[in-house]
Amino acid sequence: SPRRQKTTYQPFNKEKFVNANFRFVVKASSDYQIYL
C-alpha cells in the first residue's frame, strides 16, 4: 500500500509573504524576464 506522505512543517517565510502580497516599483535598468 502506498505510504502516506508525512506533512513536514514549513516555517513562515517573511520574504515569501512580502513577495506574494505586495507590489513593487523597480529599476528599469534590470532584467525581469525570469520573474515574469
ModelCIF file with pLDDT and N, C-alpha, C, O atoms, coordinates in Angstrom:
data_MODEL
#
_entry.id   MODEL 
#
_entity.id                         1 
_entity.type                       polymer 
_entity.pdbx_number_of_molecules   1 
#
_entity_poly.entity_id                      1 
_entity_poly.type                           'polypeptide(L)' 
_entity_poly.nstd_linkage                   no 
_entity_poly.nstd_monomer                   no 
_entity_poly.pdbx_seq_one_letter_code       SPRRQKTTYQPFNKEKFVNANFRFVVKASSDYQIYL 
_entity_poly.pdbx_seq_one_letter_code_can   SPRRQKTTYQPFNKEKFVNANFRFVVKASSDYQIYL 
_entity_poly.pdbx_strand_id                 A 
#
loop_
_entity_poly_seq.entity_id 
_entity_poly_seq.num 
_entity_poly_seq.mon_id 
_entity_poly_seq.hetero 
1 1  SER n 
1 2  PRO n 
1 3  ARG n 
1 4  ARG n 
1 5  GLN n 
1 6  LYS n 
1 7  THR n 
1 8  THR n 
1 9  TYR n 
1 10 GLN n 
1 11 PRO n 
1 12 PHE n 
1 13 ASN n 
1 14 LYS n 
1 15 GLU n 
1 16 LYS n 
1 17 PHE n 
1 18 VAL n 
1 19 ASN n 
1 20 ALA n 
1 21 ASN n 
1 22 PHE n 
1 23 ARG n 
1 24 PHE n 
1 25 VAL n 
1 26 VAL n 
1 27 LYS n 
1 28 ALA n 
1 29 SER n 
1 30 SER n 
1 31 ASP n 
1 32 TYR n 
1 33 GLN n 
1 34 ILE n 
1 35 TYR n 
1 36 LEU n 
#
_struct_asym.id          A 
_struct_asym.entity_id   1 
#
loop_
_ma_qa_metric.id 
_ma_qa_metric.mode 
_ma_qa_metric.name 
_ma_qa_metric.software_group_id 
_ma_qa_metric.type 
1 global pLDDT . pLDDT 
2 local  pLDDT . pLDDT 
#
_ma_qa_metric_global.metric_id      1 
_ma_qa_metric_global.metric_value   77.94 
_ma_qa_metric_global.model_id       1 
_ma_qa_metric_global.ordinal_id     1 
#
loop_
_ma_qa_metric_local.label_asym_id 
_ma_qa_metric_local.label_comp_id 
_ma_qa_metric_local.label_seq_id 
_ma_qa_metric_local.metric_id 
_ma_qa_metric_local.metric_value 
_ma_qa_metric_local.model_id 
_ma_qa_metric_local.ordinal_id 
A SER 1  2 54.00 1 1  
A PRO 2  2 55.00 1 2  
A ARG 3  2 57.00 1 3  
A ARG 4  2 54.00 1 4  
A GLN 5  2 54.00 1 5  
A LYS 6  2 52.00 1 6  
A THR 7  2 50.00 1 7  
A THR 8  2 53.00 1 8  
A TYR 9  2 54.00 1 9  
A GLN 10 2 63.00 1 10 
A PRO 11 2 68.00 1 11 
A PHE 12 2 72.00 1 12 
A ASN 13 2 82.00 1 13 
A LYS 14 2 86.00 1 14 
A GLU 15 2 87.00 1 15 
A LYS 16 2 89.00 1 16 
A PHE 17 2 90.00 1 17 
A VAL 18 2 90.00 1 18 
A ASN 19 2 90.00 1 19 
A ALA 20 2 90.00 1 20 
A ASN 21 2 90.00 1 21 
A PHE 22 2 92.00 1 22 
A ARG 23 2 93.00 1 23 
A PHE 24 2 95.00 1 24 
A VAL 25 2 94.00 1 25 
A VAL 26 2 93.00 1 26 
A LYS 27 2 90.00 1 27 
A ALA 28 2 87.00 1 28 
A SER 29 2 82.00 1 29 
A SER 30 2 84.00 1 30 
A ASP 31 2 85.00 1 31 
A TYR 32 2 88.00 1 32 
A GLN 33 2 85.00 1 33 
A ILE 34 2 87.00 1 34 
A TYR 35 2 87.00 1 35 
A LEU 36 2 84.00 1 36 
#
loop_
_atom_site.group_PDB 
_atom_site.id 
_atom_site.type_symbol 
_atom_site.label_atom_id 
_atom_site.label_alt_id 
_atom_site.label_comp_id 
_atom_site.label_asym_id 
_atom_site.label_entity_id 
_atom_site.label_seq_id 
_atom_site.pdbx_PDB_ins_code 
_atom_site.Cartn_x 
_atom_site.Cartn_y 
_atom_site.Cartn_z 
_atom_site.occupancy 
_atom_site.B_iso_or_equiv 
_atom_site.pdbx_formal_charge 
_atom_site.auth_seq_id 
_atom_site.auth_comp_id 
_atom_site.auth_asym_id 
_atom_site.auth_atom_id 
_atom_site.pdbx_PDB_model_num 
ATOM 1   N N  . SER A 1 1  ? 0.846  -1.193 0.000   1.00 54.00 ? 1  SER A N  1 
ATOM 2   C CA . SER A 1 1  ? 0.000  0.000  0.000   1.00 54.00 ? 1  SER A CA 1 
ATOM 3   C C  . SER A 1 1  ? 0.877  1.238  0.000   1.00 54.00 ? 1  SER A C  1 
ATOM 4   O O  . SER A 1 1  ? 1.921  1.257  0.653   1.00 54.00 ? 1  SER A O  1 
ATOM 5   N N  . PRO A 1 2  ? 0.476  2.258  -0.713  1.00 55.00 ? 2  PRO A N  1 
ATOM 6   C CA . PRO A 1 2  ? 1.311  3.471  -0.767  1.00 55.00 ? 2  PRO A CA 1 
ATOM 7   C C  . PRO A 1 2  ? 1.424  4.105  0.608   1.00 55.00 ? 2  PRO A C  1 
ATOM 8   O O  . PRO A 1 2  ? 0.447  4.227  1.347   1.00 55.00 ? 2  PRO A O  1 
ATOM 9   N N  . ARG A 1 3  ? 2.615  4.493  0.918   1.00 57.00 ? 3  ARG A N  1 
ATOM 10  C CA . ARG A 1 3  ? 2.847  5.120  2.210   1.00 57.00 ? 3  ARG A CA 1 
ATOM 11  C C  . ARG A 1 3  ? 2.280  6.533  2.225   1.00 57.00 ? 3  ARG A C  1 
ATOM 12  O O  . ARG A 1 3  ? 2.377  7.286  1.256   1.00 57.00 ? 3  ARG A O  1 
ATOM 13  N N  . ARG A 1 4  ? 1.701  6.847  3.332   1.00 54.00 ? 4  ARG A N  1 
ATOM 14  C CA . ARG A 1 4  ? 1.162  8.193  3.493   1.00 54.00 ? 4  ARG A CA 1 
ATOM 15  C C  . ARG A 1 4  ? 2.312  9.169  3.703   1.00 54.00 ? 4  ARG A C  1 
ATOM 16  O O  . ARG A 1 4  ? 3.147  9.001  4.591   1.00 54.00 ? 4  ARG A O  1 
ATOM 17  N N  . GLN A 1 5  ? 2.325  10.174 2.871   1.00 54.00 ? 5  GLN A N  1 
ATOM 18  C CA . GLN A 1 5  ? 3.401  11.138 2.964   1.00 54.00 ? 5  GLN A CA 1 
ATOM 19  C C  . GLN A 1 5  ? 3.222  11.997 4.205   1.00 54.00 ? 5  GLN A C  1 
ATOM 20  O O  . GLN A 1 5  ? 2.136  12.510 4.473   1.00 54.00 ? 5  GLN A O  1 
ATOM 21  N N  . LYS A 1 6  ? 4.287  12.141 4.944   1.00 52.00 ? 6  LYS A N  1 
ATOM 22  C CA . LYS A 1 6  ? 4.236  12.944 6.137   1.00 52.00 ? 6  LYS A CA 1 
ATOM 23  C C  . LYS A 1 6  ? 4.292  14.417 5.773   1.00 52.00 ? 6  LYS A C  1 
ATOM 24  O O  . LYS A 1 6  ? 5.129  14.845 4.978   1.00 52.00 ? 6  LYS A O  1 
ATOM 25  N N  . THR A 1 7  ? 3.404  15.169 6.356   1.00 50.00 ? 7  THR A N  1 
ATOM 26  C CA . THR A 1 7  ? 3.375  16.606 6.124   1.00 50.00 ? 7  THR A CA 1 
ATOM 27  C C  . THR A 1 7  ? 4.459  17.255 6.971   1.00 50.00 ? 7  THR A C  1 
ATOM 28  O O  . THR A 1 7  ? 4.376  17.288 8.199   1.00 50.00 ? 7  THR A O  1 
ATOM 29  N N  . THR A 1 8  ? 5.452  17.760 6.305   1.00 53.00 ? 8  THR A N  1 
ATOM 30  C CA . THR A 1 8  ? 6.557  18.397 7.011   1.00 53.00 ? 8  THR A CA 1 
ATOM 31  C C  . THR A 1 8  ? 6.189  19.824 7.362   1.00 53.00 ? 8  THR A C  1 
ATOM 32  O O  . THR A 1 8  ? 5.513  20.515 6.600   1.00 53.00 ? 8  THR A O  1 
ATOM 33  N N  . TYR A 1 9  ? 6.637  20.245 8.505   1.00 54.00 ? 9  TYR A N  1 
ATOM 34  C CA . TYR A 1 9  ? 6.364  21.600 8.966   1.00 54.00 ? 9  TYR A CA 1 
ATOM 35  C C  . TYR A 1 9  ? 7.225  22.588 8.184   1.00 54.00 ? 9  TYR A C  1 
ATOM 36  O O  . TYR A 1 9  ? 8.442  22.433 8.086   1.00 54.00 ? 9  TYR A O  1 
ATOM 37  N N  . GLN A 1 10 ? 6.581  23.588 7.640   1.00 63.00 ? 10 GLN A N  1 
ATOM 38  C CA . GLN A 1 10 ? 7.282  24.621 6.900   1.00 63.00 ? 10 GLN A CA 1 
ATOM 39  C C  . GLN A 1 10 ? 7.168  25.927 7.673   1.00 63.00 ? 10 GLN A C  1 
ATOM 40  O O  . GLN A 1 10 ? 6.067  26.450 7.842   1.00 63.00 ? 10 GLN A O  1 
ATOM 41  N N  . PRO A 1 11 ? 8.273  26.453 8.137   1.00 68.00 ? 11 PRO A N  1 
ATOM 42  C CA . PRO A 1 11 ? 8.198  27.701 8.904   1.00 68.00 ? 11 PRO A CA 1 
ATOM 43  C C  . PRO A 1 11 ? 7.753  28.861 8.029   1.00 68.00 ? 11 PRO A C  1 
ATOM 44  O O  . PRO A 1 11 ? 7.899  28.837 6.807   1.00 68.00 ? 11 PRO A O  1 
ATOM 45  N N  . PHE A 1 12 ? 7.214  29.862 8.676   1.00 72.00 ? 12 PHE A N  1 
ATOM 46  C CA . PHE A 1 12 ? 6.738  31.039 7.966   1.00 72.00 ? 12 PHE A CA 1 
ATOM 47  C C  . PHE A 1 12 ? 7.913  31.799 7.378   1.00 72.00 ? 12 PHE A C  1 
ATOM 48  O O  . PHE A 1 12 ? 8.857  32.150 8.086   1.00 72.00 ? 12 PHE A O  1 
ATOM 49  N N  . ASN A 1 13 ? 7.847  32.051 6.081   1.00 82.00 ? 13 ASN A N  1 
ATOM 50  C CA . ASN A 1 13 ? 8.911  32.755 5.375   1.00 82.00 ? 13 ASN A CA 1 
ATOM 51  C C  . ASN A 1 13 ? 8.432  34.182 5.112   1.00 82.00 ? 13 ASN A C  1 
ATOM 52  O O  . ASN A 1 13 ? 7.498  34.397 4.339   1.00 82.00 ? 13 ASN A O  1 
ATOM 53  N N  . LYS A 1 14 ? 9.073  35.147 5.754   1.00 86.00 ? 14 LYS A N  1 
ATOM 54  C CA . LYS A 1 14 ? 8.650  36.547 5.636   1.00 86.00 ? 14 LYS A CA 1 
ATOM 55  C C  . LYS A 1 14 ? 8.910  37.092 4.245   1.00 86.00 ? 14 LYS A C  1 
ATOM 56  O O  . LYS A 1 14 ? 8.114  37.875 3.727   1.00 86.00 ? 14 LYS A O  1 
ATOM 57  N N  . GLU A 1 15 ? 10.021 36.685 3.631   1.00 87.00 ? 15 GLU A N  1 
ATOM 58  C CA . GLU A 1 15 ? 10.331 37.180 2.289   1.00 87.00 ? 15 GLU A CA 1 
ATOM 59  C C  . GLU A 1 15 ? 9.287  36.701 1.278   1.00 87.00 ? 15 GLU A C  1 
ATOM 60  O O  . GLU A 1 15 ? 8.905  37.455 0.383   1.00 87.00 ? 15 GLU A O  1 
ATOM 61  N N  . LYS A 1 16 ? 8.819  35.448 1.413   1.00 89.00 ? 16 LYS A N  1 
ATOM 62  C CA . LYS A 1 16 ? 7.776  34.953 0.518   1.00 89.00 ? 16 LYS A CA 1 
ATOM 63  C C  . LYS A 1 16 ? 6.459  35.690 0.741   1.00 89.00 ? 16 LYS A C  1 
ATOM 64  O O  . LYS A 1 16 ? 5.721  35.954 -0.208  1.00 89.00 ? 16 LYS A O  1 
ATOM 65  N N  . PHE A 1 17 ? 6.168  36.019 1.991   1.00 90.00 ? 17 PHE A N  1 
ATOM 66  C CA . PHE A 1 17 ? 4.942  36.769 2.266   1.00 90.00 ? 17 PHE A CA 1 
ATOM 67  C C  . PHE A 1 17 ? 4.994  38.146 1.620   1.00 90.00 ? 17 PHE A C  1 
ATOM 68  O O  . PHE A 1 17 ? 4.019  38.579 1.005   1.00 90.00 ? 17 PHE A O  1 
ATOM 69  N N  . VAL A 1 18 ? 6.116  38.834 1.752   1.00 90.00 ? 18 VAL A N  1 
ATOM 70  C CA . VAL A 1 18 ? 6.258  40.153 1.138   1.00 90.00 ? 18 VAL A CA 1 
ATOM 71  C C  . VAL A 1 18 ? 6.182  40.032 -0.381  1.00 90.00 ? 18 VAL A C  1 
ATOM 72  O O  . VAL A 1 18 ? 5.551  40.861 -1.036  1.00 90.00 ? 18 VAL A O  1 
ATOM 73  N N  . ASN A 1 19 ? 6.818  39.013 -0.942  1.00 90.00 ? 19 ASN A N  1 
ATOM 74  C CA . ASN A 1 19 ? 6.810  38.818 -2.394  1.00 90.00 ? 19 ASN A CA 1 
ATOM 75  C C  . ASN A 1 19 ? 5.416  38.514 -2.925  1.00 90.00 ? 19 ASN A C  1 
ATOM 76  O O  . ASN A 1 19 ? 5.104  38.858 -4.065  1.00 90.00 ? 19 ASN A O  1 
ATOM 77  N N  . ALA A 1 20 ? 4.567  37.870 -2.112  1.00 90.00 ? 20 ALA A N  1 
ATOM 78  C CA . ALA A 1 20 ? 3.260  37.433 -2.591  1.00 90.00 ? 20 ALA A CA 1 
ATOM 79  C C  . ALA A 1 20 ? 2.173  38.478 -2.404  1.00 90.00 ? 20 ALA A C  1 
ATOM 80  O O  . ALA A 1 20 ? 1.213  38.490 -3.174  1.00 90.00 ? 20 ALA A O  1 
ATOM 81  N N  . ASN A 1 21 ? 2.280  39.348 -1.421  1.00 90.00 ? 21 ASN A N  1 
ATOM 82  C CA . ASN A 1 21 ? 1.164  40.215 -1.073  1.00 90.00 ? 21 ASN A CA 1 
ATOM 83  C C  . ASN A 1 21 ? 1.405  41.697 -1.342  1.00 90.00 ? 21 ASN A C  1 
ATOM 84  O O  . ASN A 1 21 ? 0.499  42.504 -1.133  1.00 90.00 ? 21 ASN A O  1 
ATOM 85  N N  . PHE A 1 22 ? 2.586  42.079 -1.794  1.00 92.00 ? 22 PHE A N  1 
ATOM 86  C CA . PHE A 1 22 ? 2.865  43.482 -2.081  1.00 92.00 ? 22 PHE A CA 1 
ATOM 87  C C  . PHE A 1 22 ? 3.197  43.647 -3.558  1.00 92.00 ? 22 PHE A C  1 
ATOM 88  O O  . PHE A 1 22 ? 3.450  42.673 -4.267  1.00 92.00 ? 22 PHE A O  1 
ATOM 89  N N  . ARG A 1 23 ? 3.190  44.893 -4.004  1.00 93.00 ? 23 ARG A N  1 
ATOM 90  C CA . ARG A 1 23 ? 3.608  45.243 -5.362  1.00 93.00 ? 23 ARG A CA 1 
ATOM 91  C C  . ARG A 1 23 ? 4.882  46.077 -5.273  1.00 93.00 ? 23 ARG A C  1 
ATOM 92  O O  . ARG A 1 23 ? 5.179  46.675 -4.239  1.00 93.00 ? 23 ARG A O  1 
ATOM 93  N N  . PHE A 1 24 ? 5.638  46.106 -6.392  1.00 95.00 ? 24 PHE A N  1 
ATOM 94  C CA . PHE A 1 24 ? 6.983  46.672 -6.320  1.00 95.00 ? 24 PHE A CA 1 
ATOM 95  C C  . PHE A 1 24 ? 7.228  47.593 -7.510  1.00 95.00 ? 24 PHE A C  1 
ATOM 96  O O  . PHE A 1 24 ? 6.942  47.251 -8.657  1.00 95.00 ? 24 PHE A O  1 
ATOM 97  N N  . VAL A 1 25 ? 7.770  48.780 -7.199  1.00 94.00 ? 25 VAL A N  1 
ATOM 98  C CA . VAL A 1 25 ? 8.280  49.700 -8.208  1.00 94.00 ? 25 VAL A CA 1 
ATOM 99  C C  . VAL A 1 25 ? 9.780  49.443 -8.312  1.00 94.00 ? 25 VAL A C  1 
ATOM 100 O O  . VAL A 1 25 ? 10.512 49.639 -7.342  1.00 94.00 ? 25 VAL A O  1 
ATOM 101 N N  . VAL A 1 26 ? 10.236 49.009 -9.473  1.00 93.00 ? 26 VAL A N  1 
ATOM 102 C CA . VAL A 1 26 ? 11.605 48.511 -9.628  1.00 93.00 ? 26 VAL A CA 1 
ATOM 103 C C  . VAL A 1 26 ? 12.375 49.379 -10.608 1.00 93.00 ? 26 VAL A C  1 
ATOM 104 O O  . VAL A 1 26 ? 11.808 50.188 -11.342 1.00 93.00 ? 26 VAL A O  1 
ATOM 105 N N  . LYS A 1 27 ? 13.680 49.183 -10.594 1.00 90.00 ? 27 LYS A N  1 
ATOM 106 C CA . LYS A 1 27 ? 14.556 49.914 -11.507 1.00 90.00 ? 27 LYS A CA 1 
ATOM 107 C C  . LYS A 1 27 ? 14.383 49.407 -12.934 1.00 90.00 ? 27 LYS A C  1 
ATOM 108 O O  . LYS A 1 27 ? 14.192 48.214 -13.168 1.00 90.00 ? 27 LYS A O  1 
ATOM 109 N N  . ALA A 1 28 ? 14.454 50.324 -13.867 1.00 87.00 ? 28 ALA A N  1 
ATOM 110 C CA . ALA A 1 28 ? 14.282 49.946 -15.266 1.00 87.00 ? 28 ALA A CA 1 
ATOM 111 C C  . ALA A 1 28 ? 15.553 49.395 -15.875 1.00 87.00 ? 28 ALA A C  1 
ATOM 112 O O  . ALA A 1 28 ? 15.524 48.900 -17.002 1.00 87.00 ? 28 ALA A O  1 
ATOM 113 N N  . SER A 1 29 ? 16.659 49.464 -15.172 1.00 82.00 ? 29 SER A N  1 
ATOM 114 C CA . SER A 1 29 ? 17.934 49.020 -15.729 1.00 82.00 ? 29 SER A CA 1 
ATOM 115 C C  . SER A 1 29 ? 18.168 47.521 -15.563 1.00 82.00 ? 29 SER A C  1 
ATOM 116 O O  . SER A 1 29 ? 19.170 47.009 -16.062 1.00 82.00 ? 29 SER A O  1 
ATOM 117 N N  . SER A 1 30 ? 17.279 46.801 -14.881 1.00 84.00 ? 30 SER A N  1 
ATOM 118 C CA . SER A 1 30 ? 17.455 45.370 -14.664 1.00 84.00 ? 30 SER A CA 1 
ATOM 119 C C  . SER A 1 30 ? 16.541 44.574 -15.576 1.00 84.00 ? 30 SER A C  1 
ATOM 120 O O  . SER A 1 30 ? 15.612 45.115 -16.175 1.00 84.00 ? 30 SER A O  1 
ATOM 121 N N  . ASP A 1 31 ? 16.820 43.264 -15.673 1.00 85.00 ? 31 ASP A N  1 
ATOM 122 C CA . ASP A 1 31 ? 16.025 42.350 -16.498 1.00 85.00 ? 31 ASP A CA 1 
ATOM 123 C C  . ASP A 1 31 ? 15.119 41.534 -15.574 1.00 85.00 ? 31 ASP A C  1 
ATOM 124 O O  . ASP A 1 31 ? 15.581 40.940 -14.600 1.00 85.00 ? 31 ASP A O  1 
ATOM 125 N N  . TYR A 1 32 ? 13.818 41.515 -15.896 1.00 88.00 ? 32 TYR A N  1 
ATOM 126 C CA . TYR A 1 32 ? 12.829 40.857 -15.041 1.00 88.00 ? 32 TYR A CA 1 
ATOM 127 C C  . TYR A 1 32 ? 12.088 39.740 -15.775 1.00 88.00 ? 32 TYR A C  1 
ATOM 128 O O  . TYR A 1 32 ? 10.987 39.363 -15.374 1.00 88.00 ? 32 TYR A O  1 
ATOM 129 N N  . GLN A 1 33 ? 12.669 39.217 -16.824 1.00 85.00 ? 33 GLN A N  1 
ATOM 130 C CA . GLN A 1 33 ? 12.002 38.169 -17.588 1.00 85.00 ? 33 GLN A CA 1 
ATOM 131 C C  . GLN A 1 33 ? 11.807 36.905 -16.750 1.00 85.00 ? 33 GLN A C  1 
ATOM 132 O O  . GLN A 1 33 ? 10.773 36.246 -16.855 1.00 85.00 ? 33 GLN A O  1 
ATOM 133 N N  . ILE A 1 34 ? 12.791 36.566 -15.925 1.00 87.00 ? 34 ILE A N  1 
ATOM 134 C CA . ILE A 1 34 ? 12.678 35.357 -15.127 1.00 87.00 ? 34 ILE A CA 1 
ATOM 135 C C  . ILE A 1 34 ? 11.585 35.494 -14.076 1.00 87.00 ? 34 ILE A C  1 
ATOM 136 O O  . ILE A 1 34 ? 10.930 34.507 -13.740 1.00 87.00 ? 34 ILE A O  1 
ATOM 137 N N  . TYR A 1 35 ? 11.374 36.699 -13.550 1.00 87.00 ? 35 TYR A N  1 
ATOM 138 C CA . TYR A 1 35 ? 10.322 36.912 -12.556 1.00 87.00 ? 35 TYR A CA 1 
ATOM 139 C C  . TYR A 1 35 ? 8.937  36.910 -13.198 1.00 87.00 ? 35 TYR A C  1 
ATOM 140 O O  . TYR A 1 35 ? 7.947  36.563 -12.555 1.00 87.00 ? 35 TYR A O  1 
ATOM 141 N N  . LEU A 1 36 ? 8.876  37.299 -14.464 1.00 84.00 ? 36 LEU A N  1 
ATOM 142 C CA . LEU A 1 36 ? 7.604  37.228 -15.168 1.00 84.00 ? 36 LEU A CA 1 
ATOM 143 C C  . LEU A 1 36 ? 7.234  35.796 -15.496 1.00 84.00 ? 36 LEU A C  1 
ATOM 144 O O  . LEU A 1 36 ? 6.186  35.551 -16.093 1.00 84.00 ? 36 LEU A O  1 
#
